[in-house]
Amino acid sequence: DRKRWNLLDPEVLGWMFETEPSDDFVKGLFELRLITEPAAAELA
């Protein structure tokens, strides 16, 4: 099932972008970045 795939594996991400990734997948990646990177910048 797709929910078991390690979509954050760098190699899997590369494979994903060889296809035409869905709108939801791309937006999901940016949501992840918005959750993690601003907090990381604050700590940094």
PDB file of all heavy atoms in Angstrom:
ATOM      1  N   ASP A   1       0.847  -1.195   0.000  1.00  0.00           N
ATOM      2  CA  ASP A   1       0.000   0.000   0.000  1.00  0.00           C
ATOM      3  C   ASP A   1       0.881   1.244   0.000  1.00  0.00           C
ATOM      4  O   ASP A   1       1.930   1.283   0.650  1.00  0.00           O
ATOM      5  CB  ASP A   1      -0.903   0.024   1.230  1.00  0.00           C
ATOM      6  CG  ASP A   1      -1.976  -1.046   1.189  1.00  0.00           C
ATOM      7  OD1 ASP A   1      -2.306  -1.508   0.076  1.00  0.00           O
ATOM      8  OD2 ASP A   1      -2.486  -1.422   2.263  1.00  0.00           O
ATOM      9  N   ARG A   2       0.439   2.265  -0.675  1.00  0.00           N
ATOM     10  CA  ARG A   2       1.221   3.493  -0.824  1.00  0.00           C
ATOM     11  C   ARG A   2       1.610   4.092   0.530  1.00  0.00           C
ATOM     12  O   ARG A   2       2.686   4.672   0.672  1.00  0.00           O
ATOM     13  CB  ARG A   2       0.420   4.511  -1.642  1.00  0.00           C
ATOM     14  CG  ARG A   2       1.194   5.797  -1.969  1.00  0.00           C
ATOM     15  CD  ARG A   2       0.323   6.769  -2.736  1.00  0.00           C
ATOM     16  NE  ARG A   2       1.001   8.036  -2.957  1.00  0.00           N
ATOM     17  CZ  ARG A   2       1.719   8.353  -4.019  1.00  0.00           C
ATOM     18  NH1 ARG A   2       1.847   7.475  -4.993  1.00  0.00           N
ATOM     19  NH2 ARG A   2       2.288   9.535  -4.144  1.00  0.00           N
ATOM     20  N   LYS A   3       0.757   3.950   1.539  1.00  0.00           N
ATOM     21  CA  LYS A   3       1.052   4.541   2.837  1.00  0.00           C
ATOM     22  C   LYS A   3       2.293   3.932   3.484  1.00  0.00           C
ATOM     23  O   LYS A   3       2.855   4.502   4.425  1.00  0.00           O
ATOM     24  CB  LYS A   3      -0.149   4.400   3.778  1.00  0.00           C
ATOM     25  CG  LYS A   3      -0.516   2.968   4.112  1.00  0.00           C
ATOM     26  CD  LYS A   3      -1.780   2.917   4.951  1.00  0.00           C
ATOM     27  CE  LYS A   3      -2.179   1.472   5.271  1.00  0.00           C
ATOM     28  NZ  LYS A   3      -3.443   1.422   6.040  1.00  0.00           N
ATOM     29  N   ARG A   4       2.741   2.789   2.989  1.00  0.00           N
ATOM     30  CA  ARG A   4       3.937   2.144   3.529  1.00  0.00           C
ATOM     31  C   ARG A   4       5.206   2.582   2.795  1.00  0.00           C
ATOM     32  O   ARG A   4       6.313   2.289   3.254  1.00  0.00           O
ATOM     33  CB  ARG A   4       3.792   0.618   3.463  1.00  0.00           C
ATOM     34  CG  ARG A   4       2.713   0.063   4.372  1.00  0.00           C
ATOM     35  CD  ARG A   4       2.572  -1.439   4.237  1.00  0.00           C
ATOM     36  NE  ARG A   4       3.827  -2.150   4.475  1.00  0.00           N
ATOM     37  CZ  ARG A   4       3.963  -3.470   4.329  1.00  0.00           C
ATOM     38  NH1 ARG A   4       2.930  -4.206   3.946  1.00  0.00           N
ATOM     39  NH2 ARG A   4       5.130  -4.044   4.565  1.00  0.00           N
ATOM     40  N   TRP A   5       5.079   3.259   1.682  1.00  0.00           N
ATOM     41  CA  TRP A   5       6.251   3.658   0.909  1.00  0.00           C
ATOM     42  C   TRP A   5       7.013   4.766   1.637  1.00  0.00           C
ATOM     43  O   TRP A   5       6.411   5.704   2.179  1.00  0.00           O
ATOM     44  CB  TRP A   5       5.849   4.158  -0.471  1.00  0.00           C
ATOM     45  CG  TRP A   5       5.089   3.153  -1.297  1.00  0.00           C
ATOM     46  CD1 TRP A   5       4.864   1.831  -1.006  1.00  0.00           C
ATOM     47  CD2 TRP A   5       4.437   3.409  -2.526  1.00  0.00           C
ATOM     48  NE1 TRP A   5       4.115   1.246  -1.996  1.00  0.00           N
ATOM     49  CE2 TRP A   5       3.834   2.190  -2.945  1.00  0.00           C
ATOM     50  CE3 TRP A   5       4.286   4.537  -3.327  1.00  0.00           C
ATOM     51  CZ2 TRP A   5       3.107   2.090  -4.129  1.00  0.00           C
ATOM     52  CZ3 TRP A   5       3.554   4.433  -4.508  1.00  0.00           C
ATOM     53  CH2 TRP A   5       2.978   3.213  -4.903  1.00  0.00           C
ATOM     54  N   ASN A   6       8.319   4.674   1.623  1.00  0.00           N
ATOM     55  CA  ASN A   6       9.156   5.714   2.227  1.00  0.00           C
ATOM     56  C   ASN A   6       9.365   6.824   1.199  1.00  0.00           C
ATOM     57  O   ASN A   6      10.400   6.894   0.531  1.00  0.00           O
ATOM     58  CB  ASN A   6      10.495   5.136   2.686  1.00  0.00           C
ATOM     59  CG  ASN A   6      11.347   6.160   3.409  1.00  0.00           C
ATOM     60  OD1 ASN A   6      10.924   7.298   3.618  1.00  0.00           O
ATOM     61  ND2 ASN A   6      12.552   5.773   3.775  1.00  0.00           N
ATOM     62  N   LEU A   7       8.373   7.688   1.100  1.00  0.00           N
ATOM     63  CA  LEU A   7       8.400   8.723   0.075  1.00  0.00           C
ATOM     64  C   LEU A   7       9.460   9.789   0.341  1.00  0.00           C
ATOM     65  O   LEU A   7       9.783  10.574  -0.548  1.00  0.00           O
ATOM     66  CB  LEU A   7       7.021   9.379  -0.047  1.00  0.00           C
ATOM     67  CG  LEU A   7       5.905   8.456  -0.554  1.00  0.00           C
ATOM     68  CD1 LEU A   7       4.576   9.196  -0.527  1.00  0.00           C
ATOM     69  CD2 LEU A   7       6.203   7.951  -1.963  1.00  0.00           C
ATOM     70  N   LEU A   8       9.997   9.822   1.555  1.00  0.00           N
ATOM     71  CA  LEU A   8      11.057  10.790   1.863  1.00  0.00           C
ATOM     72  C   LEU A   8      12.451  10.224   1.640  1.00  0.00           C
ATOM     73  O   LEU A   8      13.440  10.926   1.852  1.00  0.00           O
ATOM     74  CB  LEU A   8      10.919  11.285   3.304  1.00  0.00           C
ATOM     75  CG  LEU A   8       9.697  12.150   3.589  1.00  0.00           C
ATOM     76  CD1 LEU A   8       9.709  12.619   5.030  1.00  0.00           C
ATOM     77  CD2 LEU A   8       9.625  13.339   2.642  1.00  0.00           C
ATOM     78  N   ASP A   9      12.534   8.971   1.235  1.00  0.00           N
ATOM     79  CA  ASP A   9      13.821   8.421   0.838  1.00  0.00           C
ATOM     80  C   ASP A   9      14.321   9.246  -0.354  1.00  0.00           C
ATOM     81  O   ASP A   9      13.595   9.428  -1.340  1.00  0.00           O
ATOM     82  CB  ASP A   9      13.640   6.953   0.435  1.00  0.00           C
ATOM     83  CG  ASP A   9      14.936   6.301  -0.002  1.00  0.00           C
ATOM     84  OD1 ASP A   9      15.457   6.680  -1.068  1.00  0.00           O
ATOM     85  OD2 ASP A   9      15.408   5.393   0.694  1.00  0.00           O
ATOM     86  N   PRO A  10      15.544   9.798  -0.291  1.00  0.00           N
ATOM     87  CA  PRO A  10      16.021  10.641  -1.385  1.00  0.00           C
ATOM     88  C   PRO A  10      15.927   9.985  -2.756  1.00  0.00           C
ATOM     89  O   PRO A  10      15.620  10.653  -3.754  1.00  0.00           O
ATOM     90  CB  PRO A  10      17.475  10.931  -1.002  1.00  0.00           C
ATOM     91  CG  PRO A  10      17.466  10.878   0.498  1.00  0.00           C
ATOM     92  CD  PRO A  10      16.514   9.771   0.842  1.00  0.00           C
ATOM     93  N   GLU A  11      16.192   8.667  -2.822  1.00  0.00           N
ATOM     94  CA  GLU A  11      16.125   7.984  -4.106  1.00  0.00           C
ATOM     95  C   GLU A  11      14.682   7.890  -4.590  1.00  0.00           C
ATOM     96  O   GLU A  11      14.405   8.095  -5.778  1.00  0.00           O
ATOM     97  CB  GLU A  11      16.735   6.588  -3.983  1.00  0.00           C
ATOM     98  CG  GLU A  11      17.099   5.957  -5.302  1.00  0.00           C
ATOM     99  CD  GLU A  11      17.984   4.733  -5.144  1.00  0.00           C
ATOM    100  OE1 GLU A  11      17.962   4.096  -4.070  1.00  0.00           O
ATOM    101  OE2 GLU A  11      18.719   4.430  -6.098  1.00  0.00           O
ATOM    102  N   VAL A  12      13.757   7.598  -3.685  1.00  0.00           N
ATOM    103  CA  VAL A  12      12.339   7.523  -4.061  1.00  0.00           C
ATOM    104  C   VAL A  12      11.838   8.889  -4.516  1.00  0.00           C
ATOM    105  O   VAL A  12      11.073   8.988  -5.485  1.00  0.00           O
ATOM    106  CB  VAL A  12      11.484   6.983  -2.895  1.00  0.00           C
ATOM    107  CG1 VAL A  12       9.996   7.013  -3.257  1.00  0.00           C
ATOM    108  CG2 VAL A  12      11.898   5.553  -2.543  1.00  0.00           C
ATOM    109  N   LEU A  13      12.270   9.957  -3.841  1.00  0.00           N
ATOM    110  CA  LEU A  13      11.883  11.299  -4.282  1.00  0.00           C
ATOM    111  C   LEU A  13      12.372  11.567  -5.705  1.00  0.00           C
ATOM    112  O   LEU A  13      11.653  12.151  -6.520  1.00  0.00           O
ATOM    113  CB  LEU A  13      12.463  12.352  -3.333  1.00  0.00           C
ATOM    114  CG  LEU A  13      11.692  12.629  -2.041  1.00  0.00           C
ATOM    115  CD1 LEU A  13      12.498  13.546  -1.134  1.00  0.00           C
ATOM    116  CD2 LEU A  13      10.333  13.232  -2.345  1.00  0.00           C
ATOM    117  N   GLY A  14      13.595  11.133  -5.998  1.00  0.00           N
ATOM    118  CA  GLY A  14      14.118  11.292  -7.356  1.00  0.00           C
ATOM    119  C   GLY A  14      13.274  10.538  -8.365  1.00  0.00           C
ATOM    120  O   GLY A  14      12.955  11.058  -9.443  1.00  0.00           O
ATOM    121  N   TRP A  15      12.887   9.305  -8.022  1.00  0.00           N
ATOM    122  CA  TRP A  15      12.039   8.517  -8.917  1.00  0.00           C
ATOM    123  C   TRP A  15      10.689   9.198  -9.108  1.00  0.00           C
ATOM    124  O   TRP A  15      10.145   9.219 -10.212  1.00  0.00           O
ATOM    125  CB  TRP A  15      11.829   7.114  -8.354  1.00  0.00           C
ATOM    126  CG  TRP A  15      13.062   6.293  -8.221  1.00  0.00           C
ATOM    127  CD1 TRP A  15      14.279   6.530  -8.793  1.00  0.00           C
ATOM    128  CD2 TRP A  15      13.217   5.089  -7.464  1.00  0.00           C
ATOM    129  NE1 TRP A  15      15.174   5.560  -8.436  1.00  0.00           N
ATOM    130  CE2 TRP A  15      14.559   4.663  -7.615  1.00  0.00           C
ATOM    131  CE3 TRP A  15      12.357   4.336  -6.666  1.00  0.00           C
ATOM    132  CZ2 TRP A  15      15.042   3.503  -7.011  1.00  0.00           C
ATOM    133  CZ3 TRP A  15      12.844   3.191  -6.053  1.00  0.00           C
ATOM    134  CH2 TRP A  15      14.162   2.776  -6.223  1.00  0.00           C
ATOM    135  N   MET A  16      10.150   9.750  -8.010  1.00  0.00           N
ATOM    136  CA  MET A  16       8.846  10.411  -8.093  1.00  0.00           C
ATOM    137  C   MET A  16       8.872  11.560  -9.088  1.00  0.00           C
ATOM    138  O   MET A  16       7.948  11.753  -9.883  1.00  0.00           O
ATOM    139  CB  MET A  16       8.434  10.912  -6.707  1.00  0.00           C
ATOM    140  CG  MET A  16       7.092  11.629  -6.685  1.00  0.00           C
ATOM    141  SD  MET A  16       5.687  10.542  -7.061  1.00  0.00           S
ATOM    142  CE  MET A  16       5.513   9.723  -5.469  1.00  0.00           C
ATOM    143  N   PHE A  17       9.950  12.337  -9.063  1.00  0.00           N
ATOM    144  CA  PHE A  17      10.023  13.492  -9.957  1.00  0.00           C
ATOM    145  C   PHE A  17      10.405  13.110 -11.379  1.00  0.00           C
ATOM    146  O   PHE A  17      10.405  13.968 -12.263  1.00  0.00           O
ATOM    147  CB  PHE A  17      10.974  14.548  -9.379  1.00  0.00           C
ATOM    148  CG  PHE A  17      10.311  15.414  -8.342  1.00  0.00           C
ATOM    149  CD1 PHE A  17      10.466  15.144  -6.996  1.00  0.00           C
ATOM    150  CD2 PHE A  17       9.505  16.471  -8.717  1.00  0.00           C
ATOM    151  CE1 PHE A  17       9.849  15.928  -6.040  1.00  0.00           C
ATOM    152  CE2 PHE A  17       8.874  17.267  -7.776  1.00  0.00           C
ATOM    153  CZ  PHE A  17       9.042  16.988  -6.427  1.00  0.00           C
ATOM    154  N   GLU A  18      10.721  11.838 -11.623  1.00  0.00           N
ATOM    155  CA  GLU A  18      10.865  11.369 -12.999  1.00  0.00           C
ATOM    156  C   GLU A  18       9.498  11.126 -13.628  1.00  0.00           C
ATOM    157  O   GLU A  18       9.360  11.103 -14.842  1.00  0.00           O
ATOM    158  CB  GLU A  18      11.687  10.073 -13.040  1.00  0.00           C
ATOM    159  CG  GLU A  18      13.164  10.292 -12.819  1.00  0.00           C
ATOM    160  CD  GLU A  18      13.951   9.019 -13.041  1.00  0.00           C
ATOM    161  OE1 GLU A  18      13.613   8.255 -13.961  1.00  0.00           O
ATOM    162  OE2 GLU A  18      14.903   8.782 -12.277  1.00  0.00           O
ATOM    163  N   THR A  19       8.507  10.892 -12.785  1.00  0.00           N
ATOM    164  CA  THR A  19       7.132  10.812 -13.258  1.00  0.00           C
ATOM    165  C   THR A  19       6.575  12.231 -13.222  1.00  0.00           C
ATOM    166  O   THR A  19       7.292  13.190 -12.976  1.00  0.00           O
ATOM    167  CB  THR A  19       6.300   9.893 -12.346  1.00  0.00           C
ATOM    168  OG1 THR A  19       6.119  10.525 -11.071  1.00  0.00           O
ATOM    169  CG2 THR A  19       7.006   8.552 -12.133  1.00  0.00           C
ATOM    170  N   GLU A  20       5.306  12.400 -13.444  1.00  0.00           N
ATOM    171  CA  GLU A  20       4.672  13.708 -13.249  1.00  0.00           C
ATOM    172  C   GLU A  20       3.991  13.646 -11.894  1.00  0.00           C
ATOM    173  O   GLU A  20       2.892  13.123 -11.760  1.00  0.00           O
ATOM    174  CB  GLU A  20       3.644  13.987 -14.358  1.00  0.00           C
ATOM    175  CG  GLU A  20       3.045  15.384 -14.327  1.00  0.00           C
ATOM    176  CD  GLU A  20       4.029  16.467 -14.783  1.00  0.00           C
ATOM    177  OE1 GLU A  20       5.020  16.130 -15.452  1.00  0.00           O
ATOM    178  OE2 GLU A  20       3.791  17.641 -14.465  1.00  0.00           O
ATOM    179  N   PRO A  21       4.655  14.122 -10.831  1.00  0.00           N
ATOM    180  CA  PRO A  21       4.074  13.979  -9.491  1.00  0.00           C
ATOM    181  C   PRO A  21       2.748  14.715  -9.387  1.00  0.00           C
ATOM    182  O   PRO A  21       2.537  15.733 -10.047  1.00  0.00           O
ATOM    183  CB  PRO A  21       5.136  14.598  -8.575  1.00  0.00           C
ATOM    184  CG  PRO A  21       5.923  15.503  -9.450  1.00  0.00           C
ATOM    185  CD  PRO A  21       5.914  14.883 -10.807  1.00  0.00           C
ATOM    186  N   SER A  22       1.867  14.194  -8.557  1.00  0.00           N
ATOM    187  CA  SER A  22       0.542  14.795  -8.413  1.00  0.00           C
ATOM    188  C   SER A  22       0.646  16.150  -7.717  1.00  0.00           C
ATOM    189  O   SER A  22       1.612  16.433  -6.998  1.00  0.00           O
ATOM    190  CB  SER A  22      -0.371  13.877  -7.600  1.00  0.00           C
ATOM    191  OG  SER A  22       0.045  13.825  -6.252  1.00  0.00           O
ATOM    192  N   ASP A  23      -0.372  16.980  -7.931  1.00  0.00           N
ATOM    193  CA  ASP A  23      -0.432  18.272  -7.261  1.00  0.00           C
ATOM    194  C   ASP A  23      -0.368  18.087  -5.745  1.00  0.00           C
ATOM    195  O   ASP A  23       0.330  18.815  -5.044  1.00  0.00           O
ATOM    196  CB  ASP A  23      -1.737  18.996  -7.621  1.00  0.00           C
ATOM    197  CG  ASP A  23      -1.886  19.237  -9.114  1.00  0.00           C
ATOM    198  OD1 ASP A  23      -0.932  18.951  -9.858  1.00  0.00           O
ATOM    199  OD2 ASP A  23      -2.964  19.696  -9.523  1.00  0.00           O
ATOM    200  N   ASP A  24      -1.120  17.098  -5.246  1.00  0.00           N
ATOM    201  CA  ASP A  24      -1.177  16.871  -3.798  1.00  0.00           C
ATOM    202  C   ASP A  24       0.187  16.466  -3.247  1.00  0.00           C
ATOM    203  O   ASP A  24       0.559  16.873  -2.139  1.00  0.00           O
ATOM    204  CB  ASP A  24      -2.204  15.787  -3.463  1.00  0.00           C
ATOM    205  CG  ASP A  24      -3.637  16.284  -3.597  1.00  0.00           C
ATOM    206  OD1 ASP A  24      -3.837  17.510  -3.627  1.00  0.00           O
ATOM    207  OD2 ASP A  24      -4.547  15.441  -3.674  1.00  0.00           O
ATOM    208  N   PHE A  25       0.930  15.661  -4.006  1.00  0.00           N
ATOM    209  CA  PHE A  25       2.247  15.237  -3.533  1.00  0.00           C
ATOM    210  C   PHE A  25       3.190  16.434  -3.434  1.00  0.00           C
ATOM    211  O   PHE A  25       3.896  16.593  -2.433  1.00  0.00           O
ATOM    212  CB  PHE A  25       2.840  14.180  -4.466  1.00  0.00           C
ATOM    213  CG  PHE A  25       4.217  13.732  -4.052  1.00  0.00           C
ATOM    214  CD1 PHE A  25       4.383  12.846  -3.007  1.00  0.00           C
ATOM    215  CD2 PHE A  25       5.349  14.213  -4.691  1.00  0.00           C
ATOM    216  CE1 PHE A  25       5.643  12.445  -2.596  1.00  0.00           C
ATOM    217  CE2 PHE A  25       6.614  13.820  -4.304  1.00  0.00           C
ATOM    218  CZ  PHE A  25       6.761  12.929  -3.251  1.00  0.00           C
ATOM    219  N   VAL A  26       3.202  17.282  -4.452  1.00  0.00           N
ATOM    220  CA  VAL A  26       4.086  18.451  -4.445  1.00  0.00           C
ATOM    221  C   VAL A  26       3.711  19.389  -3.306  1.00  0.00           C
ATOM    222  O   VAL A  26       4.577  19.861  -2.551  1.00  0.00           O
ATOM    223  CB  VAL A  26       4.030  19.177  -5.803  1.00  0.00           C
ATOM    224  CG1 VAL A  26       4.799  20.497  -5.747  1.00  0.00           C
ATOM    225  CG2 VAL A  26       4.611  18.284  -6.899  1.00  0.00           C
ATOM    226  N   LYS A  27       2.405  19.643  -3.151  1.00  0.00           N
ATOM    227  CA  LYS A  27       1.983  20.520  -2.061  1.00  0.00           C
ATOM    228  C   LYS A  27       2.314  19.909  -0.703  1.00  0.00           C
ATOM    229  O   LYS A  27       2.680  20.613   0.238  1.00  0.00           O
ATOM    230  CB  LYS A  27       0.491  20.827  -2.189  1.00  0.00           C
ATOM    231  CG  LYS A  27       0.187  21.794  -3.327  1.00  0.00           C
ATOM    232  CD  LYS A  27      -1.236  22.301  -3.294  1.00  0.00           C
ATOM    233  CE  LYS A  27      -2.205  21.312  -3.870  1.00  0.00           C
ATOM    234  NZ  LYS A  27      -3.566  21.890  -4.031  1.00  0.00           N
ATOM    235  N   GLY A  28       2.217  18.585  -0.610  1.00  0.00           N
ATOM    236  CA  GLY A  28       2.556  17.910   0.634  1.00  0.00           C
ATOM    237  C   GLY A  28       4.011  18.085   1.006  1.00  0.00           C
ATOM    238  O   GLY A  28       4.347  18.259   2.188  1.00  0.00           O
ATOM    239  N   LEU A  29       4.896  18.036   0.015  1.00  0.00           N
ATOM    240  CA  LEU A  29       6.319  18.255   0.284  1.00  0.00           C
ATOM    241  C   LEU A  29       6.561  19.653   0.841  1.00  0.00           C
ATOM    242  O   LEU A  29       7.346  19.841   1.774  1.00  0.00           O
ATOM    243  CB  LEU A  29       7.142  18.083  -0.999  1.00  0.00           C
ATOM    244  CG  LEU A  29       7.558  16.681  -1.409  1.00  0.00           C
ATOM    245  CD1 LEU A  29       8.423  16.759  -2.658  1.00  0.00           C
ATOM    246  CD2 LEU A  29       8.303  15.964  -0.294  1.00  0.00           C
ATOM    247  N   PHE A  30       5.889  20.647   0.260  1.00  0.00           N
ATOM    248  CA  PHE A  30       6.081  22.000   0.745  1.00  0.00           C
ATOM    249  C   PHE A  30       5.449  22.203   2.119  1.00  0.00           C
ATOM    250  O   PHE A  30       5.953  22.986   2.930  1.00  0.00           O
ATOM    251  CB  PHE A  30       5.543  23.011  -0.271  1.00  0.00           C
ATOM    252  CG  PHE A  30       6.513  23.292  -1.391  1.00  0.00           C
ATOM    253  CD1 PHE A  30       6.433  22.610  -2.590  1.00  0.00           C
ATOM    254  CD2 PHE A  30       7.533  24.214  -1.225  1.00  0.00           C
ATOM    255  CE1 PHE A  30       7.344  22.848  -3.614  1.00  0.00           C
ATOM    256  CE2 PHE A  30       8.449  24.469  -2.241  1.00  0.00           C
ATOM    257  CZ  PHE A  30       8.352  23.780  -3.433  1.00  0.00           C
ATOM    258  N   GLU A  31       4.346  21.510   2.387  1.00  0.00           N
ATOM    259  CA  GLU A  31       3.784  21.552   3.737  1.00  0.00           C
ATOM    260  C   GLU A  31       4.783  21.002   4.751  1.00  0.00           C
ATOM    261  O   GLU A  31       4.945  21.553   5.847  1.00  0.00           O
ATOM    262  CB  GLU A  31       2.469  20.774   3.791  1.00  0.00           C
ATOM    263  CG  GLU A  31       1.312  21.488   3.111  1.00  0.00           C
ATOM    264  CD  GLU A  31       0.045  20.668   3.081  1.00  0.00           C
ATOM    265  OE1 GLU A  31       0.116  19.437   3.280  1.00  0.00           O
ATOM    266  OE2 GLU A  31      -1.018  21.267   2.843  1.00  0.00           O
ATOM    267  N   LEU A  32       5.450  19.908   4.376  1.00  0.00           N
ATOM    268  CA  LEU A  32       6.481  19.343   5.257  1.00  0.00           C
ATOM    269  C   LEU A  32       7.588  20.354   5.498  1.00  0.00           C
ATOM    270  O   LEU A  32       8.046  20.546   6.638  1.00  0.00           O
ATOM    271  CB  LEU A  32       7.050  18.072   4.639  1.00  0.00           C
ATOM    272  CG  LEU A  32       8.254  17.460   5.368  1.00  0.00           C
ATOM    273  CD1 LEU A  32       7.830  16.923   6.732  1.00  0.00           C
ATOM    274  CD2 LEU A  32       8.894  16.355   4.528  1.00  0.00           C
ATOM    275  N   ARG A  33       8.023  21.008   4.444  1.00  0.00           N
ATOM    276  CA  ARG A  33       9.076  22.008   4.588  1.00  0.00           C
ATOM    277  C   ARG A  33       8.616  23.169   5.475  1.00  0.00           C
ATOM    278  O   ARG A  33       9.389  23.670   6.293  1.00  0.00           O
ATOM    279  CB  ARG A  33       9.509  22.536   3.217  1.00  0.00           C
ATOM    280  CG  ARG A  33      10.238  21.514   2.353  1.00  0.00           C
ATOM    281  CD  ARG A  33      10.798  22.168   1.085  1.00  0.00           C
ATOM    282  NE  ARG A  33      11.778  23.190   1.437  1.00  0.00           N
ATOM    283  CZ  ARG A  33      12.266  24.078   0.564  1.00  0.00           C
ATOM    284  NH1 ARG A  33      11.849  24.063  -0.699  1.00  0.00           N
ATOM    285  NH2 ARG A  33      13.155  24.976   0.948  1.00  0.00           N
ATOM    286  N   LEU A  34       7.361  23.578   5.323  1.00  0.00           N
ATOM    287  CA  LEU A  34       6.855  24.684   6.138  1.00  0.00           C
ATOM    288  C   LEU A  34       6.757  24.309   7.613  1.00  0.00           C
ATOM    289  O   LEU A  34       6.856  25.170   8.488  1.00  0.00           O
ATOM    290  CB  LEU A  34       5.476  25.127   5.624  1.00  0.00           C
ATOM    291  CG  LEU A  34       5.495  26.003   4.367  1.00  0.00           C
ATOM    292  CD1 LEU A  34       4.095  26.122   3.783  1.00  0.00           C
ATOM    293  CD2 LEU A  34       6.063  27.385   4.672  1.00  0.00           C
ATOM    294  N   ILE A  35       6.556  23.036   7.899  1.00  0.00           N
ATOM    295  CA  ILE A  35       6.489  22.579   9.282  1.00  0.00           C
ATOM    296  C   ILE A  35       7.876  22.517   9.916  1.00  0.00           C
ATOM    297  O   ILE A  35       8.056  22.886  11.072  1.00  0.00           O
ATOM    298  CB  ILE A  35       5.811  21.195   9.354  1.00  0.00           C
ATOM    299  CG1 ILE A  35       4.320  21.316   9.021  1.00  0.00           C
ATOM    300  CG2 ILE A  35       5.993  20.540  10.722  1.00  0.00           C
ATOM    301  CD1 ILE A  35       3.635  19.981   8.778  1.00  0.00           C
ATOM    302  N   THR A  36       8.870  22.074   9.145  1.00  0.00           N
ATOM    303  CA  THR A  36      10.183  21.789   9.718  1.00  0.00           C
ATOM    304  C   THR A  36      11.208  22.913   9.565  1.00  0.00           C
ATOM    305  O   THR A  36      11.925  23.243  10.531  1.00  0.00           O
ATOM    306  CB  THR A  36      10.779  20.510   9.096  1.00  0.00           C
ATOM    307  OG1 THR A  36      10.830  20.665   7.664  1.00  0.00           O
ATOM    308  CG2 THR A  36       9.938  19.294   9.453  1.00  0.00           C
ATOM    309  N   GLU A  37      11.318  23.500   8.384  1.00  0.00           N
ATOM    310  CA  GLU A  37      12.445  24.399   8.123  1.00  0.00           C
ATOM    311  C   GLU A  37      12.370  25.759   8.833  1.00  0.00           C
ATOM    312  O   GLU A  37      13.409  26.265   9.283  1.00  0.00           O
ATOM    313  CB  GLU A  37      12.644  24.581   6.621  1.00  0.00           C
ATOM    314  CG  GLU A  37      13.178  23.323   5.950  1.00  0.00           C
ATOM    315  CD  GLU A  37      13.511  23.559   4.493  1.00  0.00           C
ATOM    316  OE1 GLU A  37      14.658  23.953   4.208  1.00  0.00           O
ATOM    317  OE2 GLU A  37      12.617  23.350   3.644  1.00  0.00           O
ATOM    318  N   PRO A  38      11.193  26.392   8.959  1.00  0.00           N
ATOM    319  CA  PRO A  38      11.174  27.635   9.744  1.00  0.00           C
ATOM    320  C   PRO A  38      11.589  27.405  11.192  1.00  0.00           C
ATOM    321  O   PRO A  38      12.336  28.218  11.767  1.00  0.00           O
ATOM    322  CB  PRO A  38       9.712  28.099   9.632  1.00  0.00           C
ATOM    323  CG  PRO A  38       9.239  27.534   8.316  1.00  0.00           C
ATOM    324  CD  PRO A  38       9.894  26.182   8.256  1.00  0.00           C
ATOM    325  N   ALA A  39      11.124  26.301  11.790  1.00  0.00           N
ATOM    326  CA  ALA A  39      11.537  25.978  13.159  1.00  0.00           C
ATOM    327  C   ALA A  39      13.036  25.710  13.220  1.00  0.00           C
ATOM    328  O   ALA A  39      13.719  26.114  14.178  1.00  0.00           O
ATOM    329  CB  ALA A  39      10.763  24.769  13.671  1.00  0.00           C
ATOM    330  N   ALA A  40      13.564  25.035  12.200  1.00  0.00           N
ATOM    331  CA  ALA A  40      15.002  24.764  12.154  1.00  0.00           C
ATOM    332  C   ALA A  40      15.793  26.068  12.040  1.00  0.00           C
ATOM    333  O   ALA A  40      16.834  26.237  12.692  1.00  0.00           O
ATOM    334  CB  ALA A  40      15.326  23.842  10.984  1.00  0.00           C
ATOM    335  N   ALA A  41      15.305  27.001  11.226  1.00  0.00           N
ATOM    336  CA  ALA A  41      15.995  28.283  11.075  1.00  0.00           C
ATOM    337  C   ALA A  41      15.997  29.048  12.396  1.00  0.00           C
ATOM    338  O   ALA A  41      16.998  29.695  12.756  1.00  0.00           O
ATOM    339  CB  ALA A  41      15.325  29.106   9.979  1.00  0.00           C
ATOM    340  N   GLU A  42      14.888  28.974  13.124  1.00  0.00           N
ATOM    341  CA  GLU A  42      14.808  29.642  14.420  1.00  0.00           C
ATOM    342  C   GLU A  42      15.844  29.077  15.398  1.00  0.00           C
ATOM    343  O   GLU A  42      16.554  29.833  16.082  1.00  0.00           O
ATOM    344  CB  GLU A  42      13.400  29.474  14.992  1.00  0.00           C
ATOM    345  CG  GLU A  42      13.170  30.190  16.309  1.00  0.00           C
ATOM    346  CD  GLU A  42      11.734  30.084  16.781  1.00  0.00           C
ATOM    347  OE1 GLU A  42      11.023  29.137  16.368  1.00  0.00           O
ATOM    348  OE2 GLU A  42      11.317  30.952  17.572  1.00  0.00           O
ATOM    349  N   LEU A  43      15.943  27.749  15.442  1.00  0.00           N
ATOM    350  CA  LEU A  43      16.935  27.121  16.318  1.00  0.00           C
ATOM    351  C   LEU A  43      18.358  27.431  15.853  1.00  0.00           C
ATOM    352  O   LEU A  43      19.255  27.663  16.673  1.00  0.00           O
ATOM    353  CB  LEU A  43      16.723  25.611  16.356  1.00  0.00           C
ATOM    354  CG  LEU A  43      15.542  25.107  17.177  1.00  0.00           C
ATOM    355  CD1 LEU A  43      15.402  23.597  17.022  1.00  0.00           C
ATOM    356  CD2 LEU A  43      15.709  25.473  18.648  1.00  0.00           C
ATOM    357  N   ALA A  44      18.558  27.407  14.540  1.00  0.00           N
ATOM    358  CA  ALA A  44      19.896  27.669  14.001  1.00  0.00           C
ATOM    359  C   ALA A  44      20.385  29.057  14.388  1.00  0.00           C
ATOM    360  O   ALA A  44      21.577  29.260  14.654  1.00  0.00           O
ATOM    361  CB  ALA A  44      19.887  27.511  12.482  1.00  0.00           C
TER     362      ALA A  44
END
